[in-house]
Amino acid sequence: MPAVHPLTADRWSDLEDLFGKDKGANSGCWCMWPRLSAKAFNEATKDQRKQAFRGIVLANIVPGLLAYEDDVAVAWVSVGPRGSVFRFNASKASKLDGDEDNGLYAITCFYVRTGHRKRGLMRELATAAIAFARDKGARAVDACPVEADRPLMWGDGFVGVASVFRDLGFSEIARRSPRRPLMRLELASC
């Protein structure tokens, strides 16, 4: 199992190396996709997204975890309070129906370095994210992964794969999209 560490300011250069200093992971996202409205995300440049994400990290807010092999960051998972991920909360597939989000955390995305994919890092990072949320006092963790009932298109899996979450004990709490179950793991029960 790789070493997993929270993304803190002293690890920013490791994230830049993983995402690519100018690339920003998937299409210049810089992990701002779940944090902004669609309009705000689309109006921002890659550099503005990078600076916004860096600002979160520099404010001593841990937005996720990095997995390392041989001191090189090889994978990322975004995990944090559900209230910190605007688009996740507003999306038809993952919004809550009157459920209080207090004490809920959300796992919203993964990124794995080319050459390290298809080795189980998603499961390992999800497990670490659950432990992180538990340590922060979360009552439950939500995710809205994709069903891998057919071959995934490029980029589909960044939200996670439903079977991984099922295997970790998550239960489906809603399904508003055929391929995107909203899933939850109650931490008090595990």
C-alpha atoms as a PDB file:
ATOM      1  CA  MET A   1       0.000   0.000   0.000  1.00  0.00           C
ATOM      2  CA  PRO A   2       1.329   3.434  -0.867  1.00  0.00           C
ATOM      3  CA  ALA A   3       1.890   6.085   1.792  1.00  0.00           C
ATOM      4  CA  VAL A   4      -1.043   8.510   1.914  1.00  0.00           C
ATOM      5  CA  HIS A   5      -0.782  12.086   3.194  1.00  0.00           C
ATOM      6  CA  PRO A   6      -3.148  15.052   3.424  1.00  0.00           C
ATOM      7  CA  LEU A   7      -2.500  17.778   0.845  1.00  0.00           C
ATOM      8  CA  THR A   8      -0.938  20.579   2.852  1.00  0.00           C
ATOM      9  CA  ALA A   9       1.013  23.637   1.690  1.00  0.00           C
ATOM     10  CA  ASP A  10       4.334  21.822   2.033  1.00  0.00           C
ATOM     11  CA  ARG A  11       3.076  19.155  -0.426  1.00  0.00           C
ATOM     12  CA  TRP A  12       1.806  21.595  -3.088  1.00  0.00           C
ATOM     13  CA  SER A  13       4.767  20.929  -5.395  1.00  0.00           C
ATOM     14  CA  ASP A  14       3.972  17.192  -5.224  1.00  0.00           C
ATOM     15  CA  LEU A  15       0.414  17.909  -6.405  1.00  0.00           C
ATOM     16  CA  GLU A  16       1.744  20.136  -9.201  1.00  0.00           C
ATOM     17  CA  ASP A  17       4.028  17.332 -10.312  1.00  0.00           C
ATOM     18  CA  LEU A  18       1.144  14.838 -10.251  1.00  0.00           C
ATOM     19  CA  PHE A  19      -1.343  17.102 -12.061  1.00  0.00           C
ATOM     20  CA  GLY A  20       1.254  18.684 -14.359  1.00  0.00           C
ATOM     21  CA  LYS A  21       2.190  22.308 -13.611  1.00  0.00           C
ATOM     22  CA  ASP A  22       0.422  23.610 -16.705  1.00  0.00           C
ATOM     23  CA  LYS A  23      -2.011  20.751 -17.297  1.00  0.00           C
ATOM     24  CA  GLY A  24      -3.958  20.713 -14.035  1.00  0.00           C
ATOM     25  CA  ALA A  25      -4.964  17.028 -14.067  1.00  0.00           C
ATOM     26  CA  ASN A  26      -8.037  16.515 -16.235  1.00  0.00           C
ATOM     27  CA  SER A  27      -8.445  19.429 -18.684  1.00  0.00           C
ATOM     28  CA  GLY A  28      -7.120  22.041 -16.282  1.00  0.00           C
ATOM     29  CA  CYS A  29      -9.612  21.240 -13.554  1.00  0.00           C
ATOM     30  CA  TRP A  30      -7.221  21.718 -10.626  1.00  0.00           C
ATOM     31  CA  CYS A  31      -9.913  19.958  -8.581  1.00  0.00           C
ATOM     32  CA  MET A  32     -12.133  23.032  -8.743  1.00  0.00           C
ATOM     33  CA  TRP A  33     -14.876  21.306 -10.770  1.00  0.00           C
ATOM     34  CA  PRO A  34     -16.737  20.027  -7.670  1.00  0.00           C
ATOM     35  CA  ARG A  35     -16.197  23.309  -5.802  1.00  0.00           C
ATOM     36  CA  LEU A  36     -17.632  25.840  -8.282  1.00  0.00           C
ATOM     37  CA  SER A  37     -20.850  26.366 -10.178  1.00  0.00           C
ATOM     38  CA  ALA A  38     -20.701  25.350 -13.832  1.00  0.00           C
ATOM     39  CA  LYS A  39     -20.724  29.009 -14.862  1.00  0.00           C
ATOM     40  CA  ALA A  40     -17.890  30.001 -12.524  1.00  0.00           C
ATOM     41  CA  PHE A  41     -15.851  26.959 -13.522  1.00  0.00           C
ATOM     42  CA  ASN A  42     -16.275  27.631 -17.249  1.00  0.00           C
ATOM     43  CA  GLU A  43     -15.448  31.313 -16.900  1.00  0.00           C
ATOM     44  CA  ALA A  44     -12.211  30.619 -15.010  1.00  0.00           C
ATOM     45  CA  THR A  45      -8.954  29.962 -16.827  1.00  0.00           C
ATOM     46  CA  LYS A  46      -6.739  27.004 -15.924  1.00  0.00           C
ATOM     47  CA  ASP A  47      -4.415  29.370 -14.077  1.00  0.00           C
ATOM     48  CA  GLN A  48      -7.296  30.947 -12.150  1.00  0.00           C
ATOM     49  CA  ARG A  49      -8.489  27.481 -11.120  1.00  0.00           C
ATOM     50  CA  LYS A  50      -4.959  26.551 -10.065  1.00  0.00           C
ATOM     51  CA  GLN A  51      -4.601  29.713  -7.998  1.00  0.00           C
ATOM     52  CA  ALA A  52      -8.030  29.217  -6.410  1.00  0.00           C
ATOM     53  CA  PHE A  53      -7.140  25.651  -5.424  1.00  0.00           C
ATOM     54  CA  ARG A  54      -3.737  26.737  -4.154  1.00  0.00           C
ATOM     55  CA  GLY A  55      -5.520  29.379  -2.074  1.00  0.00           C
ATOM     56  CA  ILE A  56      -7.585  26.659  -0.403  1.00  0.00           C
ATOM     57  CA  VAL A  57      -4.431  24.710   0.431  1.00  0.00           C
ATOM     58  CA  LEU A  58      -2.545  27.809   1.647  1.00  0.00           C
ATOM     59  CA  ALA A  59      -5.502  28.616   3.928  1.00  0.00           C
ATOM     60  CA  ASN A  60      -4.686  25.362   5.777  1.00  0.00           C
ATOM     61  CA  ILE A  61      -7.799  23.613   4.480  1.00  0.00           C
ATOM     62  CA  VAL A  62      -7.066  20.013   3.528  1.00  0.00           C
ATOM     63  CA  PRO A  63      -9.073  19.335   0.337  1.00  0.00           C
ATOM     64  CA  GLY A  64      -7.873  15.773  -0.158  1.00  0.00           C
ATOM     65  CA  LEU A  65      -5.151  13.174   0.034  1.00  0.00           C
ATOM     66  CA  LEU A  66      -2.100  12.255  -2.019  1.00  0.00           C
ATOM     67  CA  ALA A  67      -0.801   8.690  -2.427  1.00  0.00           C
ATOM     68  CA  TYR A  68       2.954   8.255  -2.768  1.00  0.00           C
ATOM     69  CA  GLU A  69       5.196   5.538  -4.114  1.00  0.00           C
ATOM     70  CA  ASP A  70       8.940   6.040  -3.693  1.00  0.00           C
ATOM     71  CA  ASP A  71       8.365   9.648  -2.524  1.00  0.00           C
ATOM     72  CA  VAL A  72       6.500  10.526  -5.743  1.00  0.00           C
ATOM     73  CA  ALA A  73       2.811  11.475  -5.656  1.00  0.00           C
ATOM     74  CA  VAL A  74       1.013   8.953  -7.865  1.00  0.00           C
ATOM     75  CA  ALA A  75      -2.655   9.530  -7.042  1.00  0.00           C
ATOM     76  CA  TRP A  76      -5.138  11.993  -5.580  1.00  0.00           C
ATOM     77  CA  VAL A  77      -8.561  11.829  -3.929  1.00  0.00           C
ATOM     78  CA  SER A  78     -10.684  14.838  -3.077  1.00  0.00           C
ATOM     79  CA  VAL A  79     -12.382  14.452   0.298  1.00  0.00           C
ATOM     80  CA  GLY A  80     -13.803  17.020   2.651  1.00  0.00           C
ATOM     81  CA  PRO A  81     -16.935  18.440   4.194  1.00  0.00           C
ATOM     82  CA  ARG A  82     -19.887  18.122   1.836  1.00  0.00           C
ATOM     83  CA  GLY A  83     -20.583  21.819   2.263  1.00  0.00           C
ATOM     84  CA  SER A  84     -17.235  22.689   0.650  1.00  0.00           C
ATOM     85  CA  VAL A  85     -18.156  21.182  -2.721  1.00  0.00           C
ATOM     86  CA  PHE A  86     -20.795  23.442  -4.247  1.00  0.00           C
ATOM     87  CA  ARG A  87     -21.380  21.557  -7.509  1.00  0.00           C
ATOM     88  CA  PHE A  88     -21.559  18.184  -5.765  1.00  0.00           C
ATOM     89  CA  ASN A  89     -24.273  19.595  -3.478  1.00  0.00           C
ATOM     90  CA  ALA A  90     -26.154  21.272  -6.336  1.00  0.00           C
ATOM     91  CA  SER A  91     -25.950  18.460  -8.905  1.00  0.00           C
ATOM     92  CA  LYS A  92     -29.162  16.597  -9.659  1.00  0.00           C
ATOM     93  CA  ALA A  93     -27.362  13.260  -9.194  1.00  0.00           C
ATOM     94  CA  SER A  94     -25.736  14.019  -5.839  1.00  0.00           C
ATOM     95  CA  LYS A  95     -27.796  16.679  -4.067  1.00  0.00           C
ATOM     96  CA  LEU A  96     -29.552  15.845  -0.833  1.00  0.00           C
ATOM     97  CA  ASP A  97     -33.325  15.907  -0.454  1.00  0.00           C
ATOM     98  CA  GLY A  98     -33.624  17.874   2.753  1.00  0.00           C
ATOM     99  CA  ASP A  99     -30.989  15.799   4.521  1.00  0.00           C
ATOM    100  CA  GLU A 100     -28.860  17.945   6.796  1.00  0.00           C
ATOM    101  CA  ASP A 101     -25.309  17.987   5.403  1.00  0.00           C
ATOM    102  CA  ASN A 102     -23.840  18.761   8.826  1.00  0.00           C
ATOM    103  CA  GLY A 103     -21.261  16.124   9.634  1.00  0.00           C
ATOM    104  CA  LEU A 104     -21.256  14.707   6.119  1.00  0.00           C
ATOM    105  CA  TYR A 105     -18.092  14.426   4.076  1.00  0.00           C
ATOM    106  CA  ALA A 106     -17.909  13.757   0.346  1.00  0.00           C
ATOM    107  CA  ILE A 107     -15.455  11.953  -1.900  1.00  0.00           C
ATOM    108  CA  THR A 108     -15.786  13.778  -5.206  1.00  0.00           C
ATOM    109  CA  CYS A 109     -12.909  12.799  -7.484  1.00  0.00           C
ATOM    110  CA  PHE A 110      -9.796  10.761  -8.110  1.00  0.00           C
ATOM    111  CA  TYR A 111      -6.773  11.284 -10.309  1.00  0.00           C
ATOM    112  CA  VAL A 112      -4.131   8.598 -10.893  1.00  0.00           C
ATOM    113  CA  ARG A 113      -0.848   9.181 -12.680  1.00  0.00           C
ATOM    114  CA  THR A 114      -0.421   7.457 -16.033  1.00  0.00           C
ATOM    115  CA  GLY A 115       1.487   4.220 -15.494  1.00  0.00           C
ATOM    116  CA  HIS A 116      -0.129   3.656 -12.077  1.00  0.00           C
ATOM    117  CA  ARG A 117      -3.718   3.080 -13.193  1.00  0.00           C
ATOM    118  CA  LYS A 118      -5.604  -0.224 -12.877  1.00  0.00           C
ATOM    119  CA  ARG A 119      -3.621  -1.203  -9.783  1.00  0.00           C
ATOM    120  CA  GLY A 120      -6.263  -0.674  -7.090  1.00  0.00           C
ATOM    121  CA  LEU A 121      -5.240   2.828  -6.052  1.00  0.00           C
ATOM    122  CA  MET A 122      -8.842   4.042  -6.138  1.00  0.00           C
ATOM    123  CA  ARG A 123      -9.808   1.539  -3.449  1.00  0.00           C
ATOM    124  CA  GLU A 124      -6.766   2.400  -1.357  1.00  0.00           C
ATOM    125  CA  LEU A 125      -7.428   6.130  -1.626  1.00  0.00           C
ATOM    126  CA  ALA A 126     -11.138   5.715  -0.854  1.00  0.00           C
ATOM    127  CA  THR A 127     -10.206   3.693   2.240  1.00  0.00           C
ATOM    128  CA  ALA A 128      -7.778   6.423   3.324  1.00  0.00           C
ATOM    129  CA  ALA A 129     -10.435   9.093   2.637  1.00  0.00           C
ATOM    130  CA  ILE A 130     -12.915   7.256   4.873  1.00  0.00           C
ATOM    131  CA  ALA A 131     -10.330   7.125   7.673  1.00  0.00           C
ATOM    132  CA  PHE A 132      -9.556  10.831   7.156  1.00  0.00           C
ATOM    133  CA  ALA A 133     -13.254  11.755   7.386  1.00  0.00           C
ATOM    134  CA  ARG A 134     -13.684   9.621  10.493  1.00  0.00           C
ATOM    135  CA  ASP A 135     -10.670  11.313  12.136  1.00  0.00           C
ATOM    136  CA  LYS A 136     -12.254  14.711  11.368  1.00  0.00           C
ATOM    137  CA  GLY A 137     -15.476  13.695  13.122  1.00  0.00           C
ATOM    138  CA  ALA A 138     -17.654  13.021  10.070  1.00  0.00           C
ATOM    139  CA  ARG A 139     -20.844  11.058  10.735  1.00  0.00           C
ATOM    140  CA  ALA A 140     -20.949   9.708   7.167  1.00  0.00           C
ATOM    141  CA  VAL A 141     -19.239   9.909   3.777  1.00  0.00           C
ATOM    142  CA  ASP A 142     -21.099  10.389   0.497  1.00  0.00           C
ATOM    143  CA  ALA A 143     -19.965   9.624  -3.049  1.00  0.00           C
ATOM    144  CA  CYS A 144     -21.680   9.709  -6.433  1.00  0.00           C
ATOM    145  CA  PRO A 145     -19.586   7.310  -8.517  1.00  0.00           C
ATOM    146  CA  VAL A 146     -20.252   5.895 -11.964  1.00  0.00           C
ATOM    147  CA  GLU A 147     -21.500   2.379 -12.655  1.00  0.00           C
ATOM    148  CA  ALA A 148     -18.954   0.435 -14.696  1.00  0.00           C
ATOM    149  CA  ASP A 149     -21.673  -1.709 -16.252  1.00  0.00           C
ATOM    150  CA  ARG A 150     -20.127  -1.017 -19.658  1.00  0.00           C
ATOM    151  CA  PRO A 151     -16.679   0.212 -20.687  1.00  0.00           C
ATOM    152  CA  LEU A 152     -16.001   3.669 -19.310  1.00  0.00           C
ATOM    153  CA  MET A 153     -15.325   6.518 -21.688  1.00  0.00           C
ATOM    154  CA  TRP A 154     -12.148   8.524 -21.182  1.00  0.00           C
ATOM    155  CA  GLY A 155     -12.485  10.480 -17.959  1.00  0.00           C
ATOM    156  CA  ASP A 156     -15.742   8.860 -16.740  1.00  0.00           C
ATOM    157  CA  GLY A 157     -14.094   7.238 -13.756  1.00  0.00           C
ATOM    158  CA  PHE A 158     -12.787  10.399 -12.101  1.00  0.00           C
ATOM    159  CA  VAL A 159     -15.834  10.381  -9.776  1.00  0.00           C
ATOM    160  CA  GLY A 160     -15.032   6.844  -8.669  1.00  0.00           C
ATOM    161  CA  VAL A 161     -16.460   3.458  -9.640  1.00  0.00           C
ATOM    162  CA  ALA A 162     -19.605   2.285  -7.840  1.00  0.00           C
ATOM    163  CA  SER A 163     -18.374  -1.281  -7.291  1.00  0.00           C
ATOM    164  CA  VAL A 164     -15.371   0.012  -5.324  1.00  0.00           C
ATOM    165  CA  PHE A 165     -17.674   1.937  -2.995  1.00  0.00           C
ATOM    166  CA  ARG A 166     -20.073  -1.001  -2.609  1.00  0.00           C
ATOM    167  CA  ASP A 167     -17.147  -3.238  -1.649  1.00  0.00           C
ATOM    168  CA  LEU A 168     -16.184  -0.682   1.020  1.00  0.00           C
ATOM    169  CA  GLY A 169     -19.660  -0.827   2.569  1.00  0.00           C
ATOM    170  CA  PHE A 170     -21.373   2.165   0.950  1.00  0.00           C
ATOM    171  CA  SER A 171     -25.126   1.873   0.395  1.00  0.00           C
ATOM    172  CA  GLU A 172     -27.138   3.502  -2.347  1.00  0.00           C
ATOM    173  CA  ILE A 173     -29.336   6.262  -0.893  1.00  0.00           C
ATOM    174  CA  ALA A 174     -30.680   7.705  -4.165  1.00  0.00           C
ATOM    175  CA  ARG A 175     -30.445   7.198  -7.917  1.00  0.00           C
ATOM    176  CA  ARG A 176     -31.450  10.097 -10.082  1.00  0.00           C
ATOM    177  CA  SER A 177     -29.250   9.101 -12.991  1.00  0.00           C
ATOM    178  CA  PRO A 178     -29.091   5.581 -14.464  1.00  0.00           C
ATOM    179  CA  ARG A 179     -25.310   5.324 -14.080  1.00  0.00           C
ATOM    180  CA  ARG A 180     -24.650   7.552 -11.029  1.00  0.00           C
ATOM    181  CA  PRO A 181     -25.882   6.209  -7.671  1.00  0.00           C
ATOM    182  CA  LEU A 182     -25.625   8.526  -4.683  1.00  0.00           C
ATOM    183  CA  MET A 183     -23.980   6.372  -2.035  1.00  0.00           C
ATOM    184  CA  ARG A 184     -23.286   6.769   1.671  1.00  0.00           C
ATOM    185  CA  LEU A 185     -21.175   5.073   4.310  1.00  0.00           C
ATOM    186  CA  GLU A 186     -22.420   5.703   7.854  1.00  0.00           C
ATOM    187  CA  LEU A 187     -19.293   5.912   9.989  1.00  0.00           C
ATOM    188  CA  ALA A 188     -20.939   5.207  13.319  1.00  0.00           C
ATOM    189  CA  SER A 189     -21.794   1.724  12.059  1.00  0.00           C
ATOM    190  CA  CYS A 190     -18.296   0.722  11.001  1.00  0.00           C
END
